[in-house]
Amino acid sequence: MKVFISHAHQDETLARKVAAVLEADGLDVWDGSEIVPGENWAEKISQALKESEAMVVLLTPDALSNNWVRREIEYALSNKAYSKRLIPVLVGLPEDIPAENIPWILRHMKMINLPQHGMIEEEIQQIAEALKEVA
């Protein structure tokens, strides 16, 4: 299964950690690190969204205020290929991110909570398990 990791640019290190764990679990992951300077970002993201079958969205304060992340979530919600394959991941303590900042539909989905940016592989493994459940 090809998995798209939606995240804010500021969370790139975290996205790469998540990608490494998912890849070690046998998943094909797109996290944006494949884009090189000078390439058309919008085109590359669009292509990756079309080719992916699932999305992990890293919900951080930066991501929740990012228009690109919101568009990627909207794409996944409107695309049948992603049906039941959108995995919201709240990064940090829930009390640090006001519920009203999280898109209402994501609040009604099974959300994975990762308590901090410096989490260890075992905590990130929850994401791989959630993806296996919907595969």
Protein backbone atom coordinates (compact mmCIF):
# COMPACT_ATOMS: atom_id res chain seq x y z
CA MET A 1 0.00 0.00 0.00
CA LYS A 2 1.30 3.45 -0.90
CA VAL A 3 0.93 5.93 1.95
CA PHE A 4 0.99 9.71 1.65
CA ILE A 5 2.23 11.55 4.75
CA SER A 6 0.61 14.97 5.00
CA HIS A 7 2.57 17.38 7.17
CA ALA A 8 3.74 20.95 7.49
CA HIS A 9 7.23 21.76 6.24
CA GLN A 10 8.25 22.52 9.83
CA ASP A 11 7.45 18.90 10.75
CA GLU A 12 9.66 17.36 8.07
CA THR A 13 11.98 15.62 10.57
CA LEU A 14 9.00 13.98 12.25
CA ALA A 15 7.53 12.98 8.87
CA ARG A 16 10.80 11.29 7.94
CA LYS A 17 10.85 9.38 11.24
CA VAL A 18 7.31 8.18 10.60
CA ALA A 19 8.19 7.29 7.00
CA ALA A 20 11.20 5.24 8.11
CA VAL A 21 9.11 3.18 10.54
CA LEU A 22 6.35 2.61 7.98
CA GLU A 23 8.86 1.63 5.29
CA ALA A 24 10.54 -0.80 7.70
CA ASP A 25 7.07 -2.33 8.08
CA GLY A 26 6.87 -2.89 4.32
CA LEU A 27 4.78 0.12 3.29
CA ASP A 28 5.57 2.34 0.30
CA VAL A 29 5.67 5.90 1.70
CA TRP A 30 5.63 9.35 0.13
CA ASP A 31 6.60 12.13 2.54
CA GLY A 32 7.70 14.89 0.19
CA SER A 33 11.41 14.34 0.70
CA GLU A 34 11.61 13.15 -2.91
CA ILE A 35 11.00 16.67 -4.21
CA VAL A 36 14.19 18.51 -5.09
CA PRO A 37 14.62 22.29 -5.32
CA GLY A 38 13.38 23.65 -8.61
CA GLU A 39 10.73 20.98 -9.14
CA ASN A 40 7.05 21.87 -9.32
CA TRP A 41 5.85 21.15 -5.76
CA ALA A 42 2.15 21.29 -6.60
CA GLU A 43 2.56 18.86 -9.49
CA LYS A 44 4.61 16.38 -7.44
CA ILE A 45 2.16 16.49 -4.51
CA SER A 46 -0.79 16.06 -6.86
CA GLN A 47 0.81 13.03 -8.50
CA ALA A 48 1.67 11.47 -5.14
CA LEU A 49 -1.92 11.97 -3.92
CA LYS A 50 -3.28 10.28 -7.04
CA GLU A 51 -0.93 7.31 -6.65
CA SER A 52 -1.46 6.81 -2.91
CA GLU A 53 -4.06 4.59 -1.28
CA ALA A 54 -3.87 5.91 2.27
CA MET A 55 -2.95 9.11 4.09
CA VAL A 56 -1.36 9.76 7.45
CA VAL A 57 -1.85 13.36 8.48
CA LEU A 58 0.45 14.69 11.21
CA LEU A 59 -1.63 17.17 13.18
CA THR A 60 0.68 19.71 14.76
CA PRO A 61 0.00 23.42 15.35
CA ASP A 62 1.98 24.19 12.18
CA ALA A 63 0.06 21.62 10.12
CA LEU A 64 -3.32 22.81 11.37
CA SER A 65 -2.57 26.33 10.15
CA ASN A 66 -1.16 25.16 6.81
CA ASN A 67 -3.37 25.54 3.72
CA TRP A 68 -1.58 22.75 1.85
CA VAL A 69 -2.23 20.26 4.64
CA ARG A 70 -5.91 21.28 4.69
CA ARG A 71 -6.14 20.76 0.91
CA GLU A 72 -4.52 17.33 1.19
CA ILE A 73 -7.03 16.34 3.89
CA GLU A 74 -9.90 17.58 1.70
CA TYR A 75 -8.55 15.55 -1.21
CA ALA A 76 -8.40 12.37 0.87
CA LEU A 77 -11.89 12.92 2.26
CA SER A 78 -13.36 13.36 -1.21
CA ASN A 79 -11.53 10.48 -2.89
CA LYS A 80 -12.97 6.95 -2.70
CA ALA A 81 -9.49 5.42 -2.88
CA TYR A 82 -8.84 6.85 0.60
CA SER A 83 -12.13 5.61 2.09
CA LYS A 84 -11.41 4.62 5.71
CA ARG A 85 -7.72 5.07 4.97
CA LEU A 86 -7.17 8.55 6.39
CA ILE A 87 -5.25 8.23 9.64
CA PRO A 88 -5.15 11.42 11.74
CA VAL A 89 -2.19 11.58 14.13
CA LEU A 90 -2.31 14.22 16.85
CA VAL A 91 1.25 15.15 17.78
CA GLY A 92 1.71 16.53 21.28
CA LEU A 93 -0.59 16.73 24.25
CA PRO A 94 -4.28 17.02 23.33
CA GLU A 95 -4.71 19.96 25.69
CA ASP A 96 -2.02 21.87 23.76
CA ILE A 97 -4.07 21.81 20.55
CA PRO A 98 -7.57 23.28 20.85
CA ALA A 99 -10.19 20.91 19.45
CA GLU A 100 -11.67 23.69 17.32
CA ASN A 101 -8.37 23.88 15.41
CA ILE A 102 -8.78 20.27 14.25
CA PRO A 103 -11.11 19.82 11.26
CA TRP A 104 -14.43 18.59 12.65
CA ILE A 105 -14.50 15.42 10.58
CA LEU A 106 -11.07 14.34 11.87
CA ARG A 107 -12.32 14.74 15.44
CA HIS A 108 -14.88 12.02 14.65
CA MET A 109 -12.31 9.55 13.36
CA LYS A 110 -10.12 7.19 15.32
CA MET A 111 -7.16 9.41 16.09
CA ILE A 112 -3.70 8.26 17.07
CA ASN A 113 -1.98 10.39 19.68
CA LEU A 114 1.79 10.73 19.70
CA PRO A 115 2.73 12.63 22.84
CA GLN A 116 5.79 14.45 21.54
CA HIS A 117 8.07 15.12 18.56
CA GLY A 118 10.86 13.04 20.07
CA MET A 119 8.84 9.85 20.19
CA ILE A 120 10.44 6.48 19.82
CA GLU A 121 9.83 3.88 17.15
CA GLU A 122 7.41 1.84 19.29
CA GLU A 123 5.06 4.82 19.58
CA ILE A 124 5.17 5.47 15.84
CA GLN A 125 4.42 1.77 15.26
CA GLN A 126 0.77 2.54 16.18
CA ILE A 127 0.44 4.23 12.79
CA ALA A 128 1.65 1.13 10.93
CA GLU A 129 -0.82 -1.02 12.89
CA ALA A 130 -3.69 1.33 12.00
CA LEU A 131 -2.73 1.14 8.31
CA LYS A 132 -2.62 -2.66 8.42
CA GLU A 133 -6.15 -2.67 9.84
CA VAL A 134 -7.50 -0.71 6.87
CA ALA A 135 -5.39 -2.38 4.16
